[in-house]
């Protein structure tokens, strides 16, 4: 398996339109190429999964979790 990181501006226009990050990881495995966008810690939401599109910070998340625990205890 080979991997390398490319700047998305070096990709052909047809692929560049699909990737909204500055860098992409290219991985070759068994003759198949996979492009994985690299999300810089400065970009996007620090949460993953269904909350990845939000503007929610980790600190805000932790505050809400503490509030939930207080409410559950009452």
N, C-alpha and C. Protein backbone atom coordinates (compact mmCIF):
# COMPACT_ATOMS: atom_id res chain seq x y z
N UNK A 1 0.85 -1.16 0.00
CA UNK A 1 0.00 0.00 0.00
C UNK A 1 0.90 1.24 0.00
N UNK A 2 0.65 2.13 -0.94
CA UNK A 2 1.39 3.39 -1.03
C UNK A 2 0.46 4.55 -0.70
N UNK A 3 1.00 5.57 -0.03
CA UNK A 3 0.21 6.77 0.28
C UNK A 3 1.04 8.01 0.00
N UNK A 4 0.35 9.07 -0.38
CA UNK A 4 0.99 10.37 -0.50
C UNK A 4 -0.07 11.45 -0.32
N UNK A 5 0.38 12.65 0.05
CA UNK A 5 -0.52 13.77 0.25
C UNK A 5 -0.28 14.79 -0.85
N UNK A 6 -1.38 15.22 -1.48
CA UNK A 6 -1.30 16.19 -2.57
C UNK A 6 -2.10 17.43 -2.24
N UNK A 7 -1.68 18.54 -2.80
CA UNK A 7 -2.47 19.76 -2.75
C UNK A 7 -3.61 19.58 -3.75
N UNK A 8 -4.83 19.89 -3.38
CA UNK A 8 -5.97 19.65 -4.26
C UNK A 8 -5.91 20.47 -5.54
N UNK A 9 -5.16 21.56 -5.53
CA UNK A 9 -5.03 22.39 -6.73
C UNK A 9 -4.28 21.67 -7.85
N UNK A 10 -3.57 20.60 -7.49
CA UNK A 10 -2.84 19.83 -8.51
C UNK A 10 -3.71 18.78 -9.17
N UNK A 11 -4.93 18.60 -8.65
CA UNK A 11 -5.84 17.60 -9.23
C UNK A 11 -6.52 18.15 -10.48
N UNK A 12 -6.92 17.28 -11.39
CA UNK A 12 -7.69 17.72 -12.56
C UNK A 12 -9.00 18.39 -12.11
N UNK A 13 -9.50 19.32 -12.89
CA UNK A 13 -10.70 20.09 -12.56
C UNK A 13 -11.89 19.18 -12.21
N UNK A 14 -12.04 18.08 -12.92
CA UNK A 14 -13.17 17.17 -12.68
C UNK A 14 -13.15 16.62 -11.25
N UNK A 15 -11.98 16.38 -10.68
CA UNK A 15 -11.87 15.88 -9.31
C UNK A 15 -11.85 17.03 -8.30
N UNK A 16 -11.22 18.12 -8.67
CA UNK A 16 -11.09 19.28 -7.79
C UNK A 16 -12.44 19.78 -7.30
N UNK A 17 -13.47 19.70 -8.15
CA UNK A 17 -14.81 20.18 -7.78
C UNK A 17 -15.43 19.38 -6.64
N UNK A 18 -15.04 18.13 -6.48
CA UNK A 18 -15.64 17.27 -5.46
C UNK A 18 -14.98 17.39 -4.09
N UNK A 19 -13.80 17.95 -4.02
CA UNK A 19 -13.04 17.99 -2.77
C UNK A 19 -12.92 19.42 -2.28
N UNK A 20 -13.40 19.67 -1.07
CA UNK A 20 -13.44 21.04 -0.54
C UNK A 20 -12.35 21.32 0.48
N UNK A 21 -11.34 20.48 0.54
CA UNK A 21 -10.22 20.72 1.45
C UNK A 21 -9.00 21.11 0.63
N UNK A 22 -7.98 21.60 1.33
CA UNK A 22 -6.77 22.03 0.63
C UNK A 22 -5.86 20.86 0.27
N UNK A 23 -5.95 19.78 1.03
CA UNK A 23 -5.09 18.63 0.78
C UNK A 23 -5.91 17.36 0.71
N UNK A 24 -5.37 16.39 0.01
CA UNK A 24 -6.04 15.10 -0.15
C UNK A 24 -4.98 14.00 -0.03
N UNK A 25 -5.37 12.90 0.64
CA UNK A 25 -4.48 11.75 0.75
C UNK A 25 -4.82 10.79 -0.37
N UNK A 26 -3.81 10.35 -1.11
CA UNK A 26 -4.00 9.39 -2.19
C UNK A 26 -3.42 8.06 -1.72
N UNK A 27 -4.26 7.03 -1.72
CA UNK A 27 -3.83 5.71 -1.26
C UNK A 27 -4.08 4.70 -2.37
N UNK A 28 -3.07 3.90 -2.67
CA UNK A 28 -3.19 2.84 -3.67
C UNK A 28 -3.18 1.52 -2.93
N UNK A 29 -4.21 0.72 -3.19
CA UNK A 29 -4.30 -0.58 -2.55
C UNK A 29 -4.91 -1.56 -3.55
N UNK A 30 -4.15 -2.57 -3.90
CA UNK A 30 -4.61 -3.60 -4.84
C UNK A 30 -5.08 -3.00 -6.17
N UNK A 31 -4.35 -2.03 -6.68
CA UNK A 31 -4.68 -1.42 -7.97
C UNK A 31 -5.80 -0.40 -7.92
N UNK A 32 -6.33 -0.11 -6.74
CA UNK A 32 -7.42 0.86 -6.58
C UNK A 32 -6.87 2.13 -5.93
N UNK A 33 -7.21 3.27 -6.50
CA UNK A 33 -6.80 4.55 -5.92
C UNK A 33 -7.93 5.14 -5.11
N UNK A 34 -7.61 5.58 -3.90
CA UNK A 34 -8.61 6.21 -3.04
C UNK A 34 -8.14 7.61 -2.68
N UNK A 35 -9.02 8.58 -2.86
CA UNK A 35 -8.72 9.95 -2.48
C UNK A 35 -9.49 10.27 -1.20
N UNK A 36 -8.78 10.68 -0.17
CA UNK A 36 -9.41 11.01 1.10
C UNK A 36 -9.08 12.46 1.45
N UNK A 37 -10.09 13.32 1.54
CA UNK A 37 -9.83 14.71 1.93
C UNK A 37 -9.21 14.77 3.32
N UNK A 38 -8.22 15.64 3.48
CA UNK A 38 -7.58 15.84 4.77
C UNK A 38 -8.15 17.12 5.37
N UNK A 39 -8.82 16.96 6.50
CA UNK A 39 -9.42 18.11 7.16
C UNK A 39 -8.42 18.66 8.16
N UNK A 40 -7.97 19.87 7.88
CA UNK A 40 -7.04 20.56 8.75
C UNK A 40 -7.76 20.90 10.04
N UNK A 41 -7.05 20.90 11.15
CA UNK A 41 -7.70 21.20 12.43
C UNK A 41 -8.27 22.62 12.44
N UNK A 42 -7.81 23.48 11.57
CA UNK A 42 -8.33 24.84 11.48
C UNK A 42 -9.63 24.88 10.67
N UNK A 43 -9.88 23.85 9.88
CA UNK A 43 -11.07 23.80 9.03
C UNK A 43 -12.18 23.03 9.69
N UNK A 44 -13.41 23.43 9.50
CA UNK A 44 -14.59 22.66 9.89
C UNK A 44 -14.74 22.47 11.38
N UNK A 45 -15.66 21.66 11.72
CA UNK A 45 -16.01 21.37 13.10
C UNK A 45 -15.07 20.30 13.65
N UNK A 46 -14.63 20.43 14.90
CA UNK A 46 -13.75 19.42 15.46
C UNK A 46 -14.45 18.12 15.79
N UNK A 47 -15.78 18.11 15.72
CA UNK A 47 -16.53 16.89 15.99
C UNK A 47 -16.65 16.06 14.73
N UNK A 48 -16.80 14.77 14.89
CA UNK A 48 -16.90 13.89 13.74
C UNK A 48 -18.29 13.30 13.65
N UNK A 49 -18.54 12.56 12.60
CA UNK A 49 -19.82 11.88 12.45
C UNK A 49 -20.92 12.82 12.01
N UNK A 50 -22.11 12.64 12.59
CA UNK A 50 -23.27 13.42 12.15
C UNK A 50 -23.15 14.89 12.50
N UNK A 51 -22.28 15.26 13.43
CA UNK A 51 -22.13 16.65 13.84
C UNK A 51 -21.00 17.36 13.10
N UNK A 52 -20.41 16.73 12.10
CA UNK A 52 -19.23 17.30 11.45
C UNK A 52 -19.50 18.57 10.66
N UNK A 53 -20.75 18.84 10.28
CA UNK A 53 -21.05 20.05 9.52
C UNK A 53 -21.40 21.25 10.40
N UNK A 54 -21.41 21.06 11.69
CA UNK A 54 -21.86 22.13 12.58
C UNK A 54 -20.72 23.09 12.92
N UNK A 55 -21.07 24.19 13.54
CA UNK A 55 -20.08 25.14 14.02
C UNK A 55 -19.84 24.95 15.51
N UNK A 56 -20.16 23.78 16.02
CA UNK A 56 -20.10 23.41 17.41
C UNK A 56 -18.66 23.11 17.81
N UNK A 57 -18.14 23.75 18.87
CA UNK A 57 -16.77 23.47 19.29
C UNK A 57 -16.75 22.37 20.34
N UNK A 58 -15.59 21.83 20.59
CA UNK A 58 -15.45 20.78 21.59
C UNK A 58 -15.80 21.33 22.97
N UNK A 59 -15.36 22.57 23.25
CA UNK A 59 -15.67 23.17 24.55
C UNK A 59 -17.18 23.31 24.75
N UNK A 60 -17.89 23.75 23.73
CA UNK A 60 -19.35 23.86 23.82
C UNK A 60 -19.99 22.49 24.05
N UNK A 61 -19.46 21.49 23.38
CA UNK A 61 -19.96 20.13 23.54
C UNK A 61 -19.79 19.65 24.98
N UNK A 62 -18.61 19.91 25.57
CA UNK A 62 -18.34 19.48 26.93
C UNK A 62 -19.24 20.20 27.93
N UNK A 63 -19.50 21.48 27.71
CA UNK A 63 -20.40 22.23 28.58
C UNK A 63 -21.79 21.60 28.54
N UNK A 64 -22.27 21.28 27.35
CA UNK A 64 -23.61 20.67 27.23
C UNK A 64 -23.66 19.29 27.87
N UNK A 65 -22.57 18.53 27.74
CA UNK A 65 -22.53 17.21 28.37
C UNK A 65 -22.63 17.33 29.89
N UNK A 66 -21.92 18.32 30.48
CA UNK A 66 -22.00 18.55 31.92
C UNK A 66 -23.42 18.95 32.32
N UNK A 67 -24.04 19.82 31.53
CA UNK A 67 -25.41 20.24 31.81
C UNK A 67 -26.36 19.03 31.75
N UNK A 68 -26.17 18.15 30.78
CA UNK A 68 -26.99 16.95 30.67
C UNK A 68 -26.86 16.06 31.90
N UNK A 69 -25.61 15.90 32.38
CA UNK A 69 -25.37 15.06 33.56
C UNK A 69 -26.06 15.64 34.79
N UNK A 70 -26.04 16.98 34.91
CA UNK A 70 -26.72 17.62 36.05
C UNK A 70 -28.21 17.37 35.97
N UNK A 71 -28.78 17.52 34.78
CA UNK A 71 -30.21 17.29 34.61
C UNK A 71 -30.61 15.85 34.86
N UNK A 72 -29.77 14.92 34.46
CA UNK A 72 -30.05 13.50 34.68
C UNK A 72 -30.01 13.14 36.15
N UNK A 73 -29.17 13.84 36.91
CA UNK A 73 -29.04 13.56 38.33
C UNK A 73 -30.21 14.08 39.15
N UNK A 74 -30.99 14.97 38.60
CA UNK A 74 -32.12 15.56 39.35
C UNK A 74 -33.35 14.72 39.25
